[in-house]
Amino acid sequence: MTRKDERPDDCREQKRAVRMELAGFLRNSSYFPRREVKERETSNFNGLLGCTLKGLVRESLARQTKISRESLTNEFQHIVAYITGGANGIGKAIAQKIHCQGAKVVLADISCNGAKVAEGLGEKALFTCTDVRLEKDVVESMKCVKEKFGGVNVLINSAGVVGYEPIYDFKKKKPHSVDLYKCLYDTNVWGLFNVTRLMVGLMAENKPDANRQRGVIINLSSMIACESPPGLIAYGSTKSAVSGMTIPLARGLACKGIRVIGICPGFIDSPMTAPQKPEERKKWINMKLTPKRYGTCEEVAHLVQACIENPLINGENIRIDMGFRYNQEGDAAEQP
């Protein structure tokens, strides 16, 4: 509609003048790709401007993504991560994740697969055949790391074993295995403690960063530490011990600027859960909130990366278990 004192021809002329003015801006502006805009093309100006703006947005996002990736890679260039259990499962995923960001990684494991993983990662990766339970192995591994990379500023204790057995099998009248109990504690608790007590001396030699921090220790615990079913009493208690170390370790190492964090994954698709039967997996999945599935090793590795990046995270046990809560309905039922 037009005002009574305004003719349609005048409106068309005004719109045409505006389009011409904008076309001239588009042609001369250094912010837009230079493109010849002729007077006869002004009717298509809106489409041209829209395409140009879309191109600018795509270019801007690509540039920001590139800057973000370069910044992250530069941030991890100084990282030397010592990863126990780095040959398989979560440990392997962590090594691959932070290596992609520019970090140097050391895979300390008794599995020969660690050599293949390190070879695939290239010069910034090192494999040492290391039994975390043996002081001699750990000390020799640390010497190799210091010679190749100069030191360690991230320790990730991921080595662990699992065993399923109740405190007493009432059908077979058989108590829990002593050997299994000792095996679980030797690796999951003593092995982690052994590596940590030896590694912190090396980490204390690091030059403090802008936050006066020299490194971070990330211990792989488990949500089973808090939500253990009866068949995982020994394994669950080892993970309770691991989680229980987080705060006293953080307090004891704060004087040297070393952070300590516990990560407590739920049921994750890994070699450790591979033997589980479909009906067992379904039972555990039903105890989750969302998502209703097993997690991936890569999703746990993502959290570990965030813990390395963020200097504020310290003295915490972080659950990553999809809201899992154990349903003990039926546990008290009388067994035949």
Foldseek 3Di string as FASTA:
>chain_A
DDDPVDDPVNVVVVVLVVLVVVQVCQCPPPLWDHDDDDSVCSVCSVVVVVVRVVVSVVVVVVVVVVVVLVVQLVVQQLAEEEFEVCLWFLNVLLCVVSVSSNHQYEYEEQDPSQVVSQVVSPLSYYYANADLLDLVSLVVSQVVCCVRPNFHAEYEYDDFAFDFAAQADPVVRGGDDPVVLCVRCSCLPNSVVSNVVVRVVRQLPAQADPVQASHEYEYEAACCLVAPDRRRVSNNVSSVNVLVVFQVVQVVCVVSRYFYEYEHEAAEPTPNCVVDDPVVQQLQLVQADPDSHHHYSNVSSVVVSVVRVDSVDGSYYHYDYRRGHDDCVPVPDDDD
